[in-house]
Amino acid sequence: MKRWTLGLLVLTLCAAPATASSLGVFASTYSPDATGEGEGFGFDLRLGSGPVEFELRMTIYEELETTATVVPLSIEAVPIDFGVNYRFGGGRRAHPYIGGGASYVVLDYDVDITILNPQRTTDIDPEWGYYGQIGVDFDLNDQSHVFVQAIYRTFEAEAEEDDLGLEIDRGLNMKGGAFNLGFAFTW
């Protein structure tokens, strides 16, 4: 909870009207290899005008279930994406783009470990990865648009478990596709 609140604060501080071109919110679905499909929400800040724009996006997925560890975990993943988009010509109301960049993914987990062993601990460190995306903005008027994004994100995470002194490292392959649908204000 603290991590995504801090990320939201960073997005808000970066949203200076003189440099930002849009600020949006979106719903998302994500399906990484190591877990089942999960839903989430996020914030999208785009800076720049013309064919090239910079994008800062934060998405919060609260319940990605995995059985790749000794004890099943419910993972919270918060990818913070730093990227560049290139806009194509498009029509009067539809503006397609392609982009990519780096992702810093903060991971947390939730598990009731006391049912098996109160001394068991699990640790998942934040990881860096990368992503590619395609998207389309549909203008509603001069100050707002609806956007659709298809994203492929890849990164590897490692769950380090300690059970009565026996250390177990489990790789979590978190590559997979995401789909975002959102609304943004433009200025």
N, C-alpha and C. Protein backbone atom coordinates (compact mmCIF):
# COMPACT_ATOMS: atom_id res chain seq x y z
N MET A 1 0.82 -1.19 0.00
CA MET A 1 0.00 0.00 0.00
C MET A 1 0.87 1.26 0.00
N LYS A 2 1.91 1.27 0.85
CA LYS A 2 2.79 2.43 0.91
C LYS A 2 3.51 2.65 -0.41
N ARG A 3 3.91 1.56 -1.05
CA ARG A 3 4.69 1.67 -2.29
C ARG A 3 3.89 2.31 -3.41
N TRP A 4 2.65 1.88 -3.61
CA TRP A 4 1.90 2.47 -4.72
C TRP A 4 1.45 3.87 -4.38
N THR A 5 1.26 4.19 -3.10
CA THR A 5 0.94 5.57 -2.72
C THR A 5 2.11 6.48 -3.03
N LEU A 6 3.33 6.03 -2.76
CA LEU A 6 4.52 6.80 -3.10
C LEU A 6 4.64 6.98 -4.61
N GLY A 7 4.34 5.93 -5.37
CA GLY A 7 4.37 6.03 -6.83
C GLY A 7 3.34 7.02 -7.35
N LEU A 8 2.15 7.03 -6.75
CA LEU A 8 1.12 8.00 -7.14
C LEU A 8 1.58 9.42 -6.84
N LEU A 9 2.24 9.61 -5.72
CA LEU A 9 2.77 10.93 -5.37
C LEU A 9 3.80 11.39 -6.41
N VAL A 10 4.67 10.49 -6.83
CA VAL A 10 5.67 10.84 -7.85
C VAL A 10 4.97 11.23 -9.16
N LEU A 11 3.95 10.47 -9.56
CA LEU A 11 3.22 10.82 -10.78
C LEU A 11 2.56 12.20 -10.64
N THR A 12 1.99 12.47 -9.49
CA THR A 12 1.33 13.76 -9.28
C THR A 12 2.31 14.91 -9.35
N LEU A 13 3.46 14.76 -8.72
CA LEU A 13 4.47 15.82 -8.74
C LEU A 13 5.01 16.08 -10.14
N CYS A 14 5.04 15.04 -10.95
CA CYS A 14 5.53 15.19 -12.33
C CYS A 14 4.50 15.80 -13.26
N ALA A 15 3.27 15.93 -12.81
CA ALA A 15 2.19 16.38 -13.69
C ALA A 15 2.12 17.90 -13.77
N ALA A 16 3.18 18.54 -14.16
CA ALA A 16 3.19 19.99 -14.33
C ALA A 16 2.47 20.33 -15.63
N PRO A 17 1.46 21.19 -15.59
CA PRO A 17 0.69 21.50 -16.80
C PRO A 17 1.53 22.06 -17.94
N ALA A 18 2.64 22.71 -17.65
CA ALA A 18 3.45 23.30 -18.71
C ALA A 18 4.14 22.24 -19.56
N THR A 19 4.38 21.05 -19.01
CA THR A 19 5.11 20.04 -19.77
C THR A 19 4.30 18.80 -20.08
N ALA A 20 3.23 18.56 -19.37
CA ALA A 20 2.47 17.33 -19.58
C ALA A 20 1.48 17.49 -20.72
N SER A 21 1.29 16.44 -21.47
CA SER A 21 0.29 16.48 -22.52
C SER A 21 -0.97 15.73 -22.13
N SER A 22 -0.88 14.72 -21.24
CA SER A 22 -2.09 14.05 -20.75
C SER A 22 -1.81 13.31 -19.44
N LEU A 23 -2.87 13.17 -18.68
CA LEU A 23 -2.84 12.42 -17.43
C LEU A 23 -4.09 11.56 -17.41
N GLY A 24 -3.91 10.23 -17.26
CA GLY A 24 -5.05 9.33 -17.35
C GLY A 24 -5.09 8.27 -16.28
N VAL A 25 -6.23 7.62 -16.20
CA VAL A 25 -6.43 6.46 -15.32
C VAL A 25 -6.93 5.32 -16.21
N PHE A 26 -6.65 4.09 -15.80
CA PHE A 26 -7.05 2.96 -16.63
C PHE A 26 -7.28 1.71 -15.81
N ALA A 27 -8.04 0.79 -16.39
CA ALA A 27 -8.21 -0.55 -15.87
C ALA A 27 -7.30 -1.46 -16.68
N SER A 28 -6.79 -2.52 -16.05
CA SER A 28 -5.82 -3.37 -16.73
C SER A 28 -6.04 -4.83 -16.38
N THR A 29 -5.68 -5.68 -17.31
CA THR A 29 -5.63 -7.12 -17.06
C THR A 29 -4.24 -7.59 -17.48
N TYR A 30 -3.65 -8.51 -16.70
CA TYR A 30 -2.27 -8.95 -16.91
C TYR A 30 -2.22 -10.46 -16.75
N SER A 31 -1.49 -11.13 -17.63
CA SER A 31 -1.42 -12.58 -17.59
C SER A 31 0.03 -13.06 -17.72
N PRO A 32 0.83 -12.96 -16.62
CA PRO A 32 2.21 -13.45 -16.68
C PRO A 32 2.28 -14.97 -16.63
N ASP A 33 3.40 -15.52 -17.09
CA ASP A 33 3.58 -16.97 -17.14
C ASP A 33 3.53 -17.64 -15.76
N ALA A 34 4.09 -16.99 -14.73
CA ALA A 34 4.23 -17.63 -13.43
C ALA A 34 2.96 -17.58 -12.58
N THR A 35 1.97 -16.82 -13.00
CA THR A 35 0.75 -16.68 -12.20
C THR A 35 -0.47 -16.79 -13.09
N GLY A 36 -1.60 -16.78 -12.46
CA GLY A 36 -2.84 -16.69 -13.22
C GLY A 36 -3.09 -15.24 -13.61
N GLU A 37 -4.14 -15.05 -14.38
CA GLU A 37 -4.48 -13.70 -14.83
C GLU A 37 -4.91 -12.85 -13.65
N GLY A 38 -4.55 -11.57 -13.69
CA GLY A 38 -4.92 -10.65 -12.63
C GLY A 38 -5.43 -9.34 -13.20
N GLU A 39 -6.26 -8.69 -12.44
CA GLU A 39 -6.78 -7.38 -12.83
C GLU A 39 -6.15 -6.31 -11.96
N GLY A 40 -6.13 -5.09 -12.49
CA GLY A 40 -5.58 -3.99 -11.74
C GLY A 40 -6.04 -2.66 -12.30
N PHE A 41 -5.41 -1.60 -11.82
CA PHE A 41 -5.70 -0.26 -12.29
C PHE A 41 -4.40 0.52 -12.29
N GLY A 42 -4.41 1.69 -12.93
CA GLY A 42 -3.17 2.44 -12.97
C GLY A 42 -3.36 3.88 -13.39
N PHE A 43 -2.23 4.56 -13.49
CA PHE A 43 -2.15 5.96 -13.85
C PHE A 43 -1.14 6.12 -14.97
N ASP A 44 -1.43 7.01 -15.91
CA ASP A 44 -0.60 7.18 -17.09
C ASP A 44 -0.34 8.67 -17.29
N LEU A 45 0.92 9.06 -17.36
CA LEU A 45 1.32 10.44 -17.58
C LEU A 45 2.16 10.49 -18.84
N ARG A 46 1.77 11.32 -19.79
CA ARG A 46 2.53 11.45 -21.03
C ARG A 46 3.05 12.88 -21.15
N LEU A 47 4.30 12.99 -21.52
CA LEU A 47 4.97 14.29 -21.65
C LEU A 47 5.43 14.49 -23.08
N GLY A 48 5.16 15.66 -23.62
CA GLY A 48 5.63 15.98 -24.96
C GLY A 48 4.49 16.17 -25.94
N SER A 49 4.87 16.69 -27.09
CA SER A 49 3.90 16.87 -28.16
C SER A 49 4.58 16.49 -29.47
N GLY A 50 3.80 16.31 -30.50
CA GLY A 50 4.38 15.87 -31.75
C GLY A 50 4.42 14.36 -31.83
N PRO A 51 5.24 13.83 -32.72
CA PRO A 51 5.24 12.38 -32.92
C PRO A 51 5.92 11.59 -31.78
N VAL A 52 6.80 12.23 -31.01
CA VAL A 52 7.50 11.52 -29.93
C VAL A 52 7.03 12.05 -28.58
N GLU A 53 6.67 11.12 -27.68
CA GLU A 53 6.27 11.53 -26.33
C GLU A 53 6.88 10.55 -25.33
N PHE A 54 7.11 11.04 -24.12
CA PHE A 54 7.61 10.22 -23.03
C PHE A 54 6.43 9.81 -22.15
N GLU A 55 6.51 8.58 -21.64
CA GLU A 55 5.40 8.05 -20.86
C GLU A 55 5.90 7.53 -19.52
N LEU A 56 5.19 7.87 -18.46
CA LEU A 56 5.40 7.34 -17.12
C LEU A 56 4.09 6.70 -16.71
N ARG A 57 4.12 5.38 -16.44
CA ARG A 57 2.90 4.65 -16.14
C ARG A 57 3.13 3.79 -14.91
N MET A 58 2.15 3.76 -14.04
CA MET A 58 2.19 2.88 -12.87
C MET A 58 0.91 2.06 -12.84
N THR A 59 1.06 0.74 -12.72
CA THR A 59 -0.09 -0.16 -12.68
C THR A 59 -0.01 -0.97 -11.39
N ILE A 60 -1.15 -1.23 -10.77
CA ILE A 60 -1.20 -1.98 -9.52
C ILE A 60 -2.03 -3.24 -9.75
N TYR A 61 -1.37 -4.40 -9.64
CA TYR A 61 -2.04 -5.70 -9.71
C TYR A 61 -1.96 -6.29 -8.31
N GLU A 62 -3.11 -6.42 -7.64
CA GLU A 62 -3.09 -6.80 -6.23
C GLU A 62 -3.10 -8.30 -5.98
N GLU A 63 -3.66 -9.10 -6.86
CA GLU A 63 -3.75 -10.52 -6.57
C GLU A 63 -3.37 -11.37 -7.77
N LEU A 64 -2.08 -11.63 -7.91
CA LEU A 64 -1.59 -12.57 -8.91
C LEU A 64 -1.21 -13.84 -8.16
N GLU A 65 -1.96 -14.90 -8.34
CA GLU A 65 -1.75 -16.14 -7.59
C GLU A 65 -0.70 -17.01 -8.27
N THR A 66 0.25 -17.55 -7.48
CA THR A 66 1.25 -18.45 -8.03
C THR A 66 1.39 -19.69 -7.16
N THR A 67 1.66 -20.81 -7.81
CA THR A 67 1.96 -22.04 -7.09
C THR A 67 3.39 -22.48 -7.38
N ALA A 68 4.23 -21.55 -7.89
CA ALA A 68 5.62 -21.87 -8.22
C ALA A 68 6.51 -21.88 -6.97
N THR A 69 5.95 -21.56 -5.82
CA THR A 69 6.70 -21.58 -4.57
C THR A 69 6.19 -22.74 -3.71
N VAL A 70 6.91 -23.03 -2.62
CA VAL A 70 6.52 -24.14 -1.73
C VAL A 70 5.11 -23.91 -1.20
N VAL A 71 4.86 -22.70 -0.72
CA VAL A 71 3.53 -22.31 -0.25
C VAL A 71 2.95 -21.37 -1.30
N PRO A 72 1.73 -21.60 -1.77
CA PRO A 72 1.14 -20.69 -2.77
C PRO A 72 1.13 -19.24 -2.26
N LEU A 73 1.49 -18.32 -3.15
CA LEU A 73 1.56 -16.90 -2.80
C LEU A 73 0.55 -16.11 -3.61
N SER A 74 0.05 -15.06 -3.00
CA SER A 74 -0.72 -14.05 -3.71
C SER A 74 0.22 -12.86 -3.86
N ILE A 75 0.66 -12.59 -5.08
CA ILE A 75 1.67 -11.56 -5.33
C ILE A 75 1.01 -10.26 -5.74
N GLU A 76 1.48 -9.16 -5.16
CA GLU A 76 1.10 -7.83 -5.61
C GLU A 76 2.26 -7.31 -6.45
N ALA A 77 1.98 -6.99 -7.70
CA ALA A 77 3.01 -6.47 -8.60
C ALA A 77 2.64 -5.03 -8.98
N VAL A 78 3.62 -4.15 -8.87
CA VAL A 78 3.42 -2.74 -9.22
C VAL A 78 4.50 -2.35 -10.22
N PRO A 79 4.23 -2.55 -11.53
CA PRO A 79 5.20 -2.11 -12.53
C PRO A 79 5.13 -0.59 -12.71
N ILE A 80 6.30 0.05 -12.67
CA ILE A 80 6.43 1.47 -12.96
C ILE A 80 7.22 1.54 -14.25
N ASP A 81 6.55 1.99 -15.31
CA ASP A 81 7.13 1.98 -16.66
C ASP A 81 7.64 3.36 -17.05
N PHE A 82 8.84 3.40 -17.63
CA PHE A 82 9.45 4.61 -18.17
C PHE A 82 9.69 4.34 -19.64
N GLY A 83 8.96 5.05 -20.52
CA GLY A 83 9.08 4.71 -21.93
C GLY A 83 8.95 5.88 -22.88
N VAL A 84 9.08 5.54 -24.16
CA VAL A 84 8.97 6.50 -25.26
C VAL A 84 7.97 5.93 -26.25
N ASN A 85 7.07 6.79 -26.74
CA ASN A 85 6.09 6.40 -27.75
C ASN A 85 6.33 7.18 -29.03
N TYR A 86 6.06 6.53 -30.15
CA TYR A 86 6.10 7.21 -31.44
C TYR A 86 4.71 7.16 -32.03
N ARG A 87 4.14 8.33 -32.30
CA ARG A 87 2.78 8.44 -32.85
C ARG A 87 2.82 8.43 -34.38
N PHE A 88 1.89 7.66 -34.96
CA PHE A 88 1.74 7.63 -36.41
C PHE A 88 0.69 8.66 -36.82
N GLY A 89 0.54 8.86 -38.12
CA GLY A 89 -0.39 9.85 -38.65
C GLY A 89 -1.80 9.73 -38.10
N GLY A 90 -2.44 8.62 -38.33
CA GLY A 90 -3.79 8.42 -37.82
C GLY A 90 -4.81 9.32 -38.47
N GLY A 91 -6.04 9.20 -38.03
CA GLY A 91 -7.13 10.02 -38.56
C GLY A 91 -7.36 11.25 -37.71
N ARG A 92 -8.53 11.84 -37.90
CA ARG A 92 -8.85 13.05 -37.14
C ARG A 92 -9.09 12.73 -35.67
N ARG A 93 -9.67 11.58 -35.39
CA ARG A 93 -10.01 11.24 -34.01
C ARG A 93 -9.19 10.09 -33.43
N ALA A 94 -8.61 9.24 -34.25
CA ALA A 94 -7.84 8.09 -33.79
C ALA A 94 -6.35 8.34 -34.01
N HIS A 95 -5.55 8.10 -32.96
CA HIS A 95 -4.11 8.37 -33.01
C HIS A 95 -3.34 7.13 -32.54
N PRO A 96 -2.90 6.27 -33.47
CA PRO A 96 -2.15 5.07 -33.08
C PRO A 96 -0.70 5.40 -32.72
N TYR A 97 -0.10 4.55 -31.89
CA TYR A 97 1.31 4.72 -31.50
C TYR A 97 1.91 3.37 -31.16
N ILE A 98 3.23 3.35 -31.16
CA ILE A 98 4.01 2.19 -30.76
C ILE A 98 5.06 2.70 -29.77
N GLY A 99 5.42 1.89 -28.81
CA GLY A 99 6.38 2.36 -27.81
C GLY A 99 7.04 1.23 -27.05
N GLY A 100 7.90 1.61 -26.16
CA GLY A 100 8.59 0.65 -25.32
C GLY A 100 9.45 1.36 -24.30
N GLY A 101 10.01 0.57 -23.39
CA GLY A 101 10.86 1.17 -22.37
C GLY A 101 11.21 0.18 -21.28
N ALA A 102 11.62 0.75 -20.15
CA ALA A 102 12.05 -0.04 -18.99
C ALA A 102 10.95 -0.07 -17.94
N SER A 103 10.89 -1.17 -17.20
CA SER A 103 9.93 -1.32 -16.10
C SER A 103 10.69 -1.62 -14.82
N TYR A 104 10.36 -0.89 -13.76
CA TYR A 104 10.85 -1.22 -12.42
C TYR A 104 9.65 -1.80 -11.70
N VAL A 105 9.73 -3.07 -11.32
CA VAL A 105 8.57 -3.76 -10.78
C VAL A 105 8.78 -4.04 -9.28
N VAL A 106 7.92 -3.44 -8.48
CA VAL A 106 7.93 -3.65 -7.04
C VAL A 106 6.98 -4.82 -6.75
N LEU A 107 7.47 -5.81 -6.03
CA LEU A 107 6.70 -7.01 -5.74
C LEU A 107 6.50 -7.16 -4.24
N ASP A 108 5.33 -7.60 -3.87
CA ASP A 108 5.02 -7.91 -2.48
C ASP A 108 4.17 -9.18 -2.51
N TYR A 109 3.99 -9.82 -1.39
CA TYR A 109 3.23 -11.06 -1.37
C TYR A 109 2.39 -11.12 -0.12
N ASP A 110 1.40 -12.02 -0.15
CA ASP A 110 0.54 -12.25 1.00
C ASP A 110 0.35 -13.76 1.11
N VAL A 111 0.67 -14.32 2.27
CA VAL A 111 0.49 -15.75 2.49
C VAL A 111 0.32 -15.97 3.99
N ASP A 112 -0.53 -16.91 4.35
CA ASP A 112 -0.70 -17.27 5.75
C ASP A 112 0.31 -18.38 6.07
N ILE A 113 1.50 -17.97 6.51
CA ILE A 113 2.57 -18.95 6.74
C ILE A 113 2.45 -19.67 8.07
N THR A 114 1.62 -19.18 8.97
CA THR A 114 1.53 -19.80 10.29
C THR A 114 0.84 -21.16 10.24
N ILE A 115 0.11 -21.46 9.18
CA ILE A 115 -0.59 -22.75 9.12
C ILE A 115 0.39 -23.92 8.96
N LEU A 116 1.56 -23.66 8.35
CA LEU A 116 2.54 -24.72 8.15
C LEU A 116 3.75 -24.58 9.06
N ASN A 117 4.31 -23.40 9.12
CA ASN A 117 5.52 -23.19 9.89
C ASN A 117 5.66 -21.70 10.21
N PRO A 118 5.55 -21.32 11.46
CA PRO A 118 5.63 -19.89 11.81
C PRO A 118 7.00 -19.27 11.51
N GLN A 119 8.05 -20.08 11.33
CA GLN A 119 9.38 -19.56 11.05
C GLN A 119 9.65 -19.38 9.55
N ARG A 120 8.75 -19.80 8.68
CA ARG A 120 8.95 -19.69 7.24
C ARG A 120 8.88 -18.21 6.84
N THR A 121 9.84 -17.80 6.01
CA THR A 121 9.81 -16.44 5.46
C THR A 121 9.97 -16.53 3.95
N THR A 122 9.39 -15.58 3.25
CA THR A 122 9.52 -15.47 1.81
C THR A 122 9.85 -14.03 1.48
N ASP A 123 10.80 -13.83 0.58
CA ASP A 123 11.22 -12.49 0.19
C ASP A 123 11.26 -12.42 -1.33
N ILE A 124 10.66 -11.37 -1.90
CA ILE A 124 10.71 -11.13 -3.34
C ILE A 124 11.21 -9.71 -3.54
N ASP A 125 12.37 -9.57 -4.17
CA ASP A 125 12.97 -8.25 -4.37
C ASP A 125 12.39 -7.56 -5.60
N PRO A 126 12.42 -6.20 -5.62
CA PRO A 126 12.03 -5.47 -6.84
C PRO A 126 12.96 -5.85 -7.99
N GLU A 127 12.44 -5.82 -9.20
CA GLU A 127 13.19 -6.23 -10.38
C GLU A 127 13.03 -5.22 -11.51
N TRP A 128 14.03 -5.18 -12.39
CA TRP A 128 13.97 -4.39 -13.62
C TRP A 128 13.61 -5.29 -14.78
N GLY A 129 12.86 -4.77 -15.73
CA GLY A 129 12.51 -5.49 -16.93
C GLY A 129 12.29 -4.50 -18.06
N TYR A 130 11.64 -4.95 -19.10
CA TYR A 130 11.36 -4.06 -20.22
C TYR A 130 10.00 -4.43 -20.80
N TYR A 131 9.47 -3.52 -21.64
CA TYR A 131 8.16 -3.74 -22.24
C TYR A 131 8.10 -3.13 -23.63
N GLY A 132 7.16 -3.60 -24.42
CA GLY A 132 6.81 -3.01 -25.70
C GLY A 132 5.30 -2.88 -25.75
N GLN A 133 4.81 -1.91 -26.50
CA GLN A 133 3.37 -1.70 -26.54
C GLN A 133 2.92 -1.13 -27.87
N ILE A 134 1.65 -1.36 -28.16
CA ILE A 134 0.97 -0.65 -29.23
C ILE A 134 -0.30 -0.08 -28.60
N GLY A 135 -0.76 1.03 -29.13
CA GLY A 135 -1.94 1.65 -28.56
C GLY A 135 -2.61 2.59 -29.52
N VAL A 136 -3.82 3.00 -29.15
CA VAL A 136 -4.58 3.97 -29.93
C VAL A 136 -5.30 4.89 -28.95
N ASP A 137 -5.21 6.20 -29.21
CA ASP A 137 -5.99 7.20 -28.48
C ASP A 137 -7.17 7.60 -29.35
N PHE A 138 -8.36 7.65 -28.76
CA PHE A 138 -9.56 8.09 -29.46
C PHE A 138 -10.04 9.39 -28.82
N ASP A 139 -9.93 10.50 -29.55
CA ASP A 139 -10.32 11.80 -29.02
C ASP A 139 -11.81 11.86 -28.76
N LEU A 140 -12.17 12.34 -27.57
CA LEU A 140 -13.57 12.62 -27.27
C LEU A 140 -13.87 14.09 -27.57
N ASN A 141 -12.91 14.95 -27.21
CA ASN A 141 -12.95 16.38 -27.52
C ASN A 141 -11.52 16.90 -27.40
N ASP A 142 -11.33 18.20 -27.35
CA ASP A 142 -9.97 18.76 -27.29
C ASP A 142 -9.26 18.50 -25.97
N GLN A 143 -10.01 18.22 -24.90
CA GLN A 143 -9.40 18.05 -23.58
C GLN A 143 -9.42 16.62 -23.04
N SER A 144 -9.91 15.66 -23.80
CA SER A 144 -9.96 14.29 -23.26
C SER A 144 -9.93 13.25 -24.37
N HIS A 145 -9.49 12.07 -24.00
CA HIS A 145 -9.49 10.94 -24.93
C HIS A 145 -9.58 9.62 -24.17
N VAL A 146 -10.03 8.60 -24.88
CA VAL A 146 -10.05 7.24 -24.38
C VAL A 146 -8.88 6.53 -25.04
N PHE A 147 -8.17 5.67 -24.30
CA PHE A 147 -7.04 4.97 -24.90
C PHE A 147 -7.12 3.47 -24.64
N VAL A 148 -6.56 2.73 -25.58
CA VAL A 148 -6.45 1.27 -25.51
C VAL A 148 -4.98 0.94 -25.73
N GLN A 149 -4.41 0.08 -24.87
CA GLN A 149 -3.01 -0.31 -25.00
C GLN A 149 -2.88 -1.82 -24.87
N ALA A 150 -2.07 -2.42 -25.73
CA ALA A 150 -1.68 -3.83 -25.61
C ALA A 150 -0.19 -3.83 -25.31
N ILE A 151 0.19 -4.46 -24.20
CA ILE A 151 1.56 -4.39 -23.69
C ILE A 151 2.11 -5.80 -23.51
N TYR A 152 3.37 -5.98 -23.88
CA TYR A 152 4.08 -7.22 -23.55
C TYR A 152 5.23 -6.84 -22.63
N ARG A 153 5.20 -7.34 -21.41
CA ARG A 153 6.21 -7.00 -20.40
C ARG A 153 6.99 -8.26 -20.04
N THR A 154 8.29 -8.12 -19.82
CA THR A 154 9.09 -9.27 -19.41
C THR A 154 10.06 -8.88 -18.30
N PHE A 155 10.09 -9.72 -17.28
CA PHE A 155 11.08 -9.62 -16.21
C PHE A 155 11.07 -10.92 -15.42
N GLU A 156 12.16 -11.20 -14.78
CA GLU A 156 12.29 -12.40 -13.96
C GLU A 156 12.33 -11.97 -12.49
N ALA A 157 11.59 -12.65 -11.66
CA ALA A 157 11.62 -12.39 -10.22
C ALA A 157 12.08 -13.66 -9.52
N GLU A 158 12.62 -13.50 -8.34
CA GLU A 158 13.07 -14.65 -7.58
C GLU A 158 12.47 -14.60 -6.19
N ALA A 159 11.78 -15.68 -5.82
CA ALA A 159 11.22 -15.80 -4.48
C ALA A 159 12.20 -16.60 -3.64
N GLU A 160 12.71 -15.98 -2.60
CA GLU A 160 13.67 -16.63 -1.70
C GLU A 160 12.93 -17.05 -0.44
N GLU A 161 12.87 -18.37 -0.22
CA GLU A 161 12.13 -18.90 0.93
C GLU A 161 13.11 -19.51 1.92
N ASP A 162 12.83 -19.32 3.19
CA ASP A 162 13.63 -19.89 4.26
C ASP A 162 12.70 -20.68 5.17
N ASP A 163 12.88 -21.99 5.21
CA ASP A 163 12.04 -22.87 6.00
C ASP A 163 12.94 -23.66 6.95
N LEU A 164 13.00 -23.22 8.21
CA LEU A 164 13.82 -23.88 9.24
C LEU A 164 15.28 -23.99 8.81
N GLY A 165 15.82 -22.92 8.23
CA GLY A 165 17.22 -22.90 7.83
C GLY A 165 17.49 -23.44 6.45
N LEU A 166 16.52 -24.04 5.80
CA LEU A 166 16.68 -24.56 4.44
C LEU A 166 16.25 -23.46 3.47
N GLU A 167 17.22 -22.91 2.73
CA GLU A 167 16.91 -21.83 1.80
C GLU A 167 16.56 -22.38 0.43
N ILE A 168 15.45 -21.90 -0.12
CA ILE A 168 14.96 -22.35 -1.42
C ILE A 168 14.77 -21.11 -2.29
N ASP A 169 15.37 -21.11 -3.48
CA ASP A 169 15.17 -20.01 -4.43
C ASP A 169 14.31 -20.50 -5.57
N ARG A 170 13.24 -19.80 -5.84
CA ARG A 170 12.32 -20.16 -6.91
C ARG A 170 12.26 -19.02 -7.93
N GLY A 171 12.54 -19.32 -9.17
CA GLY A 171 12.42 -18.32 -10.22
C GLY A 171 10.96 -18.15 -10.63
N LEU A 172 10.54 -16.91 -10.80
CA LEU A 172 9.19 -16.60 -11.25
C LEU A 172 9.29 -15.89 -12.59
N ASN A 173 8.85 -16.53 -13.64
CA ASN A 173 8.89 -15.93 -14.97
C ASN A 173 7.65 -15.06 -15.12
N MET A 174 7.84 -13.75 -15.05
CA MET A 174 6.71 -12.82 -15.04
C MET A 174 6.45 -12.20 -16.41
N LYS A 175 6.99 -12.79 -17.49
CA LYS A 175 6.71 -12.22 -18.80
C LYS A 175 5.27 -12.55 -19.19
N GLY A 176 4.65 -11.62 -19.90
CA GLY A 176 3.27 -11.85 -20.31
C GLY A 176 2.63 -10.59 -20.85
N GLY A 177 1.42 -10.75 -21.32
CA GLY A 177 0.70 -9.65 -21.94
C GLY A 177 -0.23 -8.94 -20.98
N ALA A 178 -0.43 -7.66 -21.25
CA ALA A 178 -1.37 -6.85 -20.48
C ALA A 178 -2.22 -6.05 -21.47
N PHE A 179 -3.41 -5.71 -21.04
CA PHE A 179 -4.33 -4.92 -21.85
C PHE A 179 -4.88 -3.81 -20.97
N ASN A 180 -4.75 -2.56 -21.42
CA ASN A 180 -5.24 -1.41 -20.65
C ASN A 180 -6.33 -0.69 -21.43
N LEU A 181 -7.34 -0.23 -20.71
CA LEU A 181 -8.41 0.59 -21.26
C LEU A 181 -8.59 1.75 -20.31
N GLY A 182 -8.43 3.00 -20.82
CA GLY A 182 -8.47 4.12 -19.91
C GLY A 182 -9.01 5.40 -20.49
N PHE A 183 -9.02 6.40 -19.63
CA PHE A 183 -9.51 7.74 -19.95
C PHE A 183 -8.45 8.75 -19.51
N ALA A 184 -8.20 9.75 -20.34
CA ALA A 184 -7.17 10.75 -20.00
C ALA A 184 -7.64 12.16 -20.32
N PHE A 185 -7.17 13.10 -19.50
CA PHE A 185 -7.36 14.52 -19.77
C PHE A 185 -6.13 15.02 -20.52
N THR A 186 -6.36 15.85 -21.51
CA THR A 186 -5.30 16.39 -22.33
C THR A 186 -5.28 17.91 -22.17
N TRP A 187 -4.08 18.46 -22.11
CA TRP A 187 -3.97 19.93 -22.10
C TRP A 187 -2.77 20.37 -22.86
